[in-house]
Amino acid sequence: MYKLNIQAAEDQPAMIIPQRNDTKKAASEYLQAGFALTPLNGKNPLIKGWNKSSNAITHPDQLNCIQANIGLLHAYSGTCCIDIDDLIKSVDYMAENGIDLVSLLCADDAVQIVSGRDNRAKLIYRTTETFNTFNH
């Protein structure tokens, strides 16, 4: 049995865990890094057809539609995500499949988004490949 407590470091930059009043600043930094975004209301996209490239926020002039939250559009950002909803079970499952999830999470170059919820994790990677969604 694994007991993990992955928490955000206090010195993590705002673009990793933006505060509500810093969302537009974080969005601007994401755009500078080449990411495509969509505005969110909580976890829900605000724009109909949010998943189409023509509706992606890719330029600072488009930031006025951001109200509270932002979502990263992986398909247009050259990124992919490992989104873990049950970290303890996922560590075991990944180990059974030859993947050391704890090492991935603890890597010096790991890019994580931390929700603050226990037993969750999210790793972001740059990629030139397109991946299908896999749920387990």
N, C-alpha and C. Protein backbone atom coordinates (compact mmCIF):
# COMPACT_ATOMS: atom_id res chain seq x y z
N MET A 1 0.85 -1.18 0.00
CA MET A 1 0.00 0.00 0.00
C MET A 1 0.89 1.23 0.00
N TYR A 2 0.52 2.22 -0.83
CA TYR A 2 1.26 3.46 -0.92
C TYR A 2 0.50 4.56 -0.19
N LYS A 3 1.22 5.38 0.50
CA LYS A 3 0.63 6.56 1.11
C LYS A 3 1.36 7.75 0.53
N LEU A 4 0.69 8.49 -0.33
CA LEU A 4 1.30 9.63 -1.00
C LEU A 4 0.56 10.90 -0.64
N ASN A 5 1.29 11.94 -0.47
CA ASN A 5 0.69 13.24 -0.22
C ASN A 5 1.42 14.24 -1.10
N ILE A 6 0.95 14.38 -2.34
CA ILE A 6 1.57 15.29 -3.30
C ILE A 6 0.92 16.65 -3.11
N GLN A 7 1.69 17.65 -2.76
CA GLN A 7 1.19 19.00 -2.53
C GLN A 7 1.96 19.99 -3.38
N ALA A 8 1.35 21.12 -3.66
CA ALA A 8 2.04 22.18 -4.40
C ALA A 8 3.03 22.87 -3.48
N ALA A 9 4.20 23.15 -4.02
CA ALA A 9 5.19 23.91 -3.26
C ALA A 9 4.73 25.36 -3.18
N GLU A 10 5.05 26.03 -2.07
CA GLU A 10 4.63 27.42 -1.90
C GLU A 10 5.25 28.34 -2.94
N ASP A 11 6.41 27.96 -3.47
CA ASP A 11 7.10 28.84 -4.41
C ASP A 11 6.77 28.53 -5.87
N GLN A 12 5.73 27.70 -6.14
CA GLN A 12 5.38 27.43 -7.53
C GLN A 12 4.84 28.70 -8.18
N PRO A 13 5.16 28.91 -9.45
CA PRO A 13 4.71 30.12 -10.13
C PRO A 13 3.20 30.15 -10.32
N ALA A 14 2.65 31.36 -10.45
CA ALA A 14 1.21 31.53 -10.59
C ALA A 14 0.66 30.82 -11.82
N MET A 15 1.48 30.66 -12.87
CA MET A 15 0.94 30.03 -14.07
C MET A 15 0.66 28.55 -13.86
N ILE A 16 1.22 27.94 -12.82
CA ILE A 16 0.92 26.55 -12.53
C ILE A 16 -0.39 26.45 -11.74
N ILE A 17 -0.53 27.27 -10.73
CA ILE A 17 -1.76 27.30 -9.93
C ILE A 17 -2.22 28.75 -9.83
N PRO A 18 -2.93 29.24 -10.86
CA PRO A 18 -3.31 30.65 -10.83
C PRO A 18 -4.38 30.94 -9.77
N GLN A 19 -4.23 32.06 -9.11
CA GLN A 19 -5.27 32.55 -8.22
C GLN A 19 -6.29 33.27 -9.10
N ARG A 20 -7.51 33.39 -8.65
CA ARG A 20 -8.57 33.98 -9.49
C ARG A 20 -8.17 35.33 -10.08
N ASN A 21 -7.56 36.20 -9.30
CA ASN A 21 -7.22 37.53 -9.79
C ASN A 21 -5.99 37.51 -10.70
N ASP A 22 -5.32 36.38 -10.79
CA ASP A 22 -4.14 36.26 -11.64
C ASP A 22 -4.40 35.42 -12.88
N THR A 23 -5.64 35.03 -13.14
CA THR A 23 -5.93 34.13 -14.25
C THR A 23 -5.56 34.74 -15.59
N LYS A 24 -5.88 36.02 -15.81
CA LYS A 24 -5.55 36.64 -17.09
C LYS A 24 -4.03 36.74 -17.26
N LYS A 25 -3.32 37.03 -16.19
CA LYS A 25 -1.86 37.08 -16.26
C LYS A 25 -1.31 35.69 -16.58
N ALA A 26 -1.84 34.67 -15.91
CA ALA A 26 -1.41 33.30 -16.19
C ALA A 26 -1.74 32.92 -17.63
N ALA A 27 -2.93 33.30 -18.09
CA ALA A 27 -3.33 33.00 -19.47
C ALA A 27 -2.36 33.65 -20.46
N SER A 28 -1.97 34.87 -20.18
CA SER A 28 -1.01 35.57 -21.04
C SER A 28 0.32 34.82 -21.09
N GLU A 29 0.77 34.32 -19.94
CA GLU A 29 2.01 33.55 -19.89
C GLU A 29 1.88 32.24 -20.64
N TYR A 30 0.71 31.59 -20.53
CA TYR A 30 0.47 30.36 -21.29
C TYR A 30 0.54 30.65 -22.79
N LEU A 31 -0.08 31.75 -23.22
CA LEU A 31 -0.06 32.10 -24.65
C LEU A 31 1.38 32.34 -25.12
N GLN A 32 2.17 33.02 -24.30
CA GLN A 32 3.58 33.25 -24.64
C GLN A 32 4.34 31.94 -24.80
N ALA A 33 3.93 30.92 -24.07
CA ALA A 33 4.57 29.60 -24.15
C ALA A 33 4.06 28.79 -25.35
N GLY A 34 3.07 29.34 -26.07
CA GLY A 34 2.56 28.67 -27.26
C GLY A 34 1.34 27.80 -27.03
N PHE A 35 0.70 27.95 -25.87
CA PHE A 35 -0.47 27.14 -25.57
C PHE A 35 -1.74 27.79 -26.11
N ALA A 36 -2.73 26.96 -26.40
CA ALA A 36 -4.06 27.41 -26.80
C ALA A 36 -5.00 27.16 -25.63
N LEU A 37 -5.91 28.10 -25.39
CA LEU A 37 -6.75 28.06 -24.19
C LEU A 37 -8.23 28.17 -24.53
N THR A 38 -9.06 27.86 -23.55
CA THR A 38 -10.48 28.12 -23.63
C THR A 38 -10.95 28.64 -22.27
N PRO A 39 -11.87 29.62 -22.25
CA PRO A 39 -12.37 30.11 -20.97
C PRO A 39 -13.34 29.10 -20.36
N LEU A 40 -13.30 29.01 -19.03
CA LEU A 40 -14.15 28.06 -18.31
C LEU A 40 -15.00 28.77 -17.27
N ASN A 41 -16.15 28.17 -16.98
CA ASN A 41 -16.97 28.53 -15.83
C ASN A 41 -16.89 27.32 -14.92
N GLY A 42 -16.03 27.38 -13.91
CA GLY A 42 -15.74 26.19 -13.13
C GLY A 42 -14.92 25.26 -14.00
N LYS A 43 -15.48 24.09 -14.30
CA LYS A 43 -14.81 23.13 -15.20
C LYS A 43 -15.46 23.09 -16.58
N ASN A 44 -16.48 23.91 -16.79
CA ASN A 44 -17.25 23.86 -18.03
C ASN A 44 -16.82 24.95 -19.00
N PRO A 45 -16.61 24.60 -20.28
CA PRO A 45 -16.25 25.61 -21.28
C PRO A 45 -17.36 26.65 -21.45
N LEU A 46 -16.96 27.90 -21.63
CA LEU A 46 -17.93 28.99 -21.82
C LEU A 46 -18.31 29.18 -23.29
N ILE A 47 -17.49 28.69 -24.19
CA ILE A 47 -17.70 28.92 -25.62
C ILE A 47 -18.27 27.66 -26.26
N LYS A 48 -19.37 27.82 -27.01
CA LYS A 48 -19.91 26.71 -27.77
C LYS A 48 -18.89 26.35 -28.85
N GLY A 49 -18.63 25.08 -29.03
CA GLY A 49 -17.62 24.66 -29.99
C GLY A 49 -16.21 24.94 -29.50
N TRP A 50 -16.03 24.90 -28.18
CA TRP A 50 -14.75 25.22 -27.54
C TRP A 50 -13.61 24.35 -28.06
N ASN A 51 -13.91 23.15 -28.53
CA ASN A 51 -12.88 22.21 -28.95
C ASN A 51 -12.46 22.38 -30.41
N LYS A 52 -12.98 23.38 -31.09
CA LYS A 52 -12.58 23.67 -32.47
C LYS A 52 -11.44 24.68 -32.46
N SER A 53 -10.48 24.48 -33.35
CA SER A 53 -9.31 25.38 -33.38
C SER A 53 -9.71 26.83 -33.62
N SER A 54 -10.78 27.05 -34.36
CA SER A 54 -11.21 28.43 -34.65
C SER A 54 -11.71 29.15 -33.40
N ASN A 55 -12.04 28.43 -32.34
CA ASN A 55 -12.52 29.04 -31.10
C ASN A 55 -11.46 29.08 -30.01
N ALA A 56 -10.27 28.61 -30.30
CA ALA A 56 -9.19 28.60 -29.30
C ALA A 56 -8.64 30.00 -29.09
N ILE A 57 -8.35 30.32 -27.84
CA ILE A 57 -7.68 31.57 -27.51
C ILE A 57 -6.19 31.35 -27.75
N THR A 58 -5.64 32.09 -28.71
CA THR A 58 -4.23 31.94 -29.07
C THR A 58 -3.49 33.27 -29.11
N HIS A 59 -4.21 34.36 -28.86
CA HIS A 59 -3.61 35.70 -28.94
C HIS A 59 -4.07 36.55 -27.75
N PRO A 60 -3.19 37.39 -27.21
CA PRO A 60 -3.57 38.21 -26.05
C PRO A 60 -4.81 39.08 -26.26
N ASP A 61 -5.11 39.45 -27.50
CA ASP A 61 -6.31 40.26 -27.77
C ASP A 61 -7.60 39.51 -27.44
N GLN A 62 -7.53 38.21 -27.29
CA GLN A 62 -8.71 37.39 -27.02
C GLN A 62 -8.95 37.17 -25.52
N LEU A 63 -8.08 37.69 -24.68
CA LEU A 63 -8.17 37.40 -23.24
C LEU A 63 -9.36 38.05 -22.55
N ASN A 64 -10.04 38.99 -23.20
CA ASN A 64 -11.17 39.68 -22.55
C ASN A 64 -12.33 38.73 -22.24
N CYS A 65 -12.40 37.57 -22.90
CA CYS A 65 -13.51 36.63 -22.63
C CYS A 65 -13.24 35.76 -21.40
N ILE A 66 -12.05 35.85 -20.83
CA ILE A 66 -11.73 35.04 -19.64
C ILE A 66 -12.31 35.71 -18.41
N GLN A 67 -13.13 34.94 -17.66
CA GLN A 67 -13.77 35.48 -16.47
C GLN A 67 -13.15 34.93 -15.20
N ALA A 68 -13.01 33.62 -15.09
CA ALA A 68 -12.51 33.04 -13.84
C ALA A 68 -11.46 31.97 -14.08
N ASN A 69 -11.77 31.00 -14.90
CA ASN A 69 -10.88 29.86 -15.10
C ASN A 69 -10.51 29.71 -16.56
N ILE A 70 -9.43 28.96 -16.79
CA ILE A 70 -9.00 28.67 -18.15
C ILE A 70 -8.72 27.18 -18.29
N GLY A 71 -8.91 26.69 -19.50
CA GLY A 71 -8.60 25.31 -19.81
C GLY A 71 -7.54 25.27 -20.89
N LEU A 72 -6.63 24.32 -20.79
CA LEU A 72 -5.59 24.12 -21.78
C LEU A 72 -6.12 23.19 -22.86
N LEU A 73 -6.07 23.63 -24.13
CA LEU A 73 -6.53 22.81 -25.25
C LEU A 73 -5.34 22.01 -25.77
N HIS A 74 -5.22 20.79 -25.30
CA HIS A 74 -4.06 19.96 -25.63
C HIS A 74 -3.89 19.77 -27.13
N ALA A 75 -4.98 19.57 -27.86
CA ALA A 75 -4.90 19.29 -29.29
C ALA A 75 -4.24 20.42 -30.07
N TYR A 76 -4.31 21.65 -29.55
CA TYR A 76 -3.76 22.81 -30.26
C TYR A 76 -2.56 23.42 -29.54
N SER A 77 -2.11 22.76 -28.48
CA SER A 77 -1.01 23.29 -27.67
C SER A 77 0.25 22.44 -27.76
N GLY A 78 0.18 21.31 -28.43
CA GLY A 78 1.33 20.41 -28.46
C GLY A 78 1.60 19.80 -27.10
N THR A 79 0.53 19.50 -26.38
CA THR A 79 0.64 18.94 -25.04
C THR A 79 -0.26 17.72 -24.89
N CYS A 80 -0.01 16.95 -23.86
CA CYS A 80 -0.90 15.87 -23.46
C CYS A 80 -0.87 15.82 -21.94
N CYS A 81 -1.80 15.08 -21.38
CA CYS A 81 -1.95 15.07 -19.92
C CYS A 81 -2.20 13.66 -19.42
N ILE A 82 -1.58 13.35 -18.29
CA ILE A 82 -1.95 12.17 -17.52
C ILE A 82 -2.75 12.71 -16.34
N ASP A 83 -4.05 12.45 -16.33
CA ASP A 83 -4.97 12.98 -15.32
C ASP A 83 -5.36 11.83 -14.40
N ILE A 84 -4.91 11.89 -13.17
CA ILE A 84 -5.11 10.80 -12.20
C ILE A 84 -6.21 11.19 -11.21
N ASP A 85 -7.30 10.42 -11.21
CA ASP A 85 -8.40 10.66 -10.27
C ASP A 85 -8.31 9.81 -9.01
N ASP A 86 -7.51 8.74 -9.04
CA ASP A 86 -7.29 7.92 -7.86
C ASP A 86 -5.80 7.56 -7.86
N LEU A 87 -5.01 8.39 -7.21
CA LEU A 87 -3.56 8.25 -7.26
C LEU A 87 -3.09 6.91 -6.70
N ILE A 88 -3.64 6.48 -5.61
CA ILE A 88 -3.19 5.23 -4.98
C ILE A 88 -3.43 4.04 -5.91
N LYS A 89 -4.63 3.92 -6.45
CA LYS A 89 -4.91 2.83 -7.39
C LYS A 89 -4.08 2.97 -8.66
N SER A 90 -3.85 4.19 -9.12
CA SER A 90 -3.11 4.42 -10.35
C SER A 90 -1.64 4.03 -10.22
N VAL A 91 -1.05 4.27 -9.05
CA VAL A 91 0.34 3.87 -8.82
C VAL A 91 0.46 2.37 -9.02
N ASP A 92 -0.45 1.60 -8.46
CA ASP A 92 -0.42 0.15 -8.60
C ASP A 92 -0.68 -0.27 -10.05
N TYR A 93 -1.69 0.31 -10.67
CA TYR A 93 -2.03 -0.04 -12.06
C TYR A 93 -0.87 0.26 -13.00
N MET A 94 -0.28 1.44 -12.87
CA MET A 94 0.83 1.81 -13.74
C MET A 94 2.03 0.90 -13.49
N ALA A 95 2.31 0.55 -12.24
CA ALA A 95 3.43 -0.35 -11.92
C ALA A 95 3.22 -1.70 -12.59
N GLU A 96 1.99 -2.19 -12.59
CA GLU A 96 1.68 -3.46 -13.26
C GLU A 96 1.95 -3.39 -14.76
N ASN A 97 1.97 -2.17 -15.30
CA ASN A 97 2.19 -1.95 -16.73
C ASN A 97 3.56 -1.35 -17.01
N GLY A 98 4.47 -1.47 -16.04
CA GLY A 98 5.86 -1.07 -16.24
C GLY A 98 6.14 0.41 -16.15
N ILE A 99 5.25 1.17 -15.53
CA ILE A 99 5.42 2.62 -15.42
C ILE A 99 5.51 3.00 -13.95
N ASP A 100 6.57 3.71 -13.59
CA ASP A 100 6.78 4.16 -12.21
C ASP A 100 6.17 5.56 -12.07
N LEU A 101 4.91 5.61 -11.71
CA LEU A 101 4.18 6.87 -11.61
C LEU A 101 4.77 7.79 -10.54
N VAL A 102 5.22 7.24 -9.44
CA VAL A 102 5.81 8.05 -8.37
C VAL A 102 7.06 8.77 -8.91
N SER A 103 7.88 8.07 -9.68
CA SER A 103 9.07 8.72 -10.27
C SER A 103 8.68 9.82 -11.24
N LEU A 104 7.63 9.60 -12.02
CA LEU A 104 7.17 10.65 -12.94
C LEU A 104 6.72 11.88 -12.16
N LEU A 105 5.98 11.67 -11.08
CA LEU A 105 5.47 12.79 -10.28
C LEU A 105 6.59 13.53 -9.55
N CYS A 106 7.64 12.81 -9.17
CA CYS A 106 8.72 13.40 -8.38
C CYS A 106 9.89 13.88 -9.24
N ALA A 107 9.81 13.71 -10.54
CA ALA A 107 10.91 14.13 -11.43
C ALA A 107 11.14 15.63 -11.32
N ASP A 108 12.40 16.04 -11.39
CA ASP A 108 12.74 17.46 -11.30
C ASP A 108 12.07 18.29 -12.39
N ASP A 109 11.85 17.69 -13.55
CA ASP A 109 11.27 18.44 -14.67
C ASP A 109 9.76 18.18 -14.83
N ALA A 110 9.13 17.55 -13.83
CA ALA A 110 7.70 17.27 -13.92
C ALA A 110 6.90 18.57 -13.90
N VAL A 111 5.92 18.67 -14.79
CA VAL A 111 5.00 19.80 -14.80
C VAL A 111 3.66 19.27 -14.31
N GLN A 112 3.24 19.76 -13.16
CA GLN A 112 2.01 19.29 -12.54
C GLN A 112 1.02 20.42 -12.36
N ILE A 113 -0.23 20.06 -12.43
CA ILE A 113 -1.30 20.95 -12.02
C ILE A 113 -1.89 20.31 -10.77
N VAL A 114 -1.94 21.05 -9.70
CA VAL A 114 -2.40 20.52 -8.42
C VAL A 114 -3.73 21.17 -8.07
N SER A 115 -4.75 20.33 -7.90
CA SER A 115 -6.09 20.84 -7.61
C SER A 115 -6.28 21.11 -6.13
N GLY A 116 -5.43 20.52 -5.29
CA GLY A 116 -5.61 20.64 -3.85
C GLY A 116 -6.45 19.52 -3.28
N ARG A 117 -7.04 18.69 -4.16
CA ARG A 117 -7.84 17.56 -3.70
C ARG A 117 -6.93 16.37 -3.43
N ASP A 118 -7.18 15.67 -2.34
CA ASP A 118 -6.39 14.50 -1.98
C ASP A 118 -6.52 13.41 -3.04
N ASN A 119 -5.45 12.64 -3.19
CA ASN A 119 -5.44 11.44 -4.02
C ASN A 119 -5.62 11.75 -5.51
N ARG A 120 -5.25 12.95 -5.95
CA ARG A 120 -5.35 13.36 -7.35
C ARG A 120 -3.99 13.81 -7.84
N ALA A 121 -3.79 13.74 -9.14
CA ALA A 121 -2.55 14.24 -9.75
C ALA A 121 -2.81 14.51 -11.22
N LYS A 122 -2.01 15.41 -11.78
CA LYS A 122 -2.10 15.71 -13.20
C LYS A 122 -0.72 16.10 -13.67
N LEU A 123 -0.22 15.38 -14.68
CA LEU A 123 1.07 15.66 -15.28
C LEU A 123 0.85 16.15 -16.71
N ILE A 124 1.56 17.20 -17.09
CA ILE A 124 1.45 17.77 -18.44
C ILE A 124 2.78 17.53 -19.16
N TYR A 125 2.68 17.12 -20.41
CA TYR A 125 3.86 16.88 -21.24
C TYR A 125 3.73 17.58 -22.58
N ARG A 126 4.86 18.04 -23.13
CA ARG A 126 4.93 18.53 -24.50
C ARG A 126 5.04 17.32 -25.41
N THR A 127 4.40 17.38 -26.57
CA THR A 127 4.48 16.28 -27.52
C THR A 127 4.18 16.77 -28.93
N THR A 128 4.70 16.09 -29.89
CA THR A 128 4.36 16.37 -31.29
C THR A 128 3.37 15.34 -31.81
N GLU A 129 3.08 14.33 -30.99
CA GLU A 129 2.14 13.28 -31.38
C GLU A 129 0.74 13.60 -30.89
N THR A 130 -0.24 13.01 -31.53
CA THR A 130 -1.63 13.10 -31.10
C THR A 130 -1.98 11.79 -30.41
N PHE A 131 -2.59 11.88 -29.26
CA PHE A 131 -2.96 10.68 -28.49
C PHE A 131 -4.47 10.59 -28.36
N ASN A 132 -4.96 9.37 -28.34
CA ASN A 132 -6.36 9.15 -28.05
C ASN A 132 -6.56 9.17 -26.55
N THR A 133 -7.73 9.57 -26.12
CA THR A 133 -8.07 9.55 -24.70
C THR A 133 -8.20 8.10 -24.25
N PHE A 134 -7.65 7.82 -23.08
CA PHE A 134 -7.73 6.49 -22.50
C PHE A 134 -8.26 6.63 -21.08
N ASN A 135 -9.36 6.00 -20.80
CA ASN A 135 -9.94 6.00 -19.45
C ASN A 135 -9.82 4.61 -18.86
N HIS A 136 -9.43 4.56 -17.61
CA HIS A 136 -9.39 3.27 -16.93
C HIS A 136 -9.92 3.45 -15.53
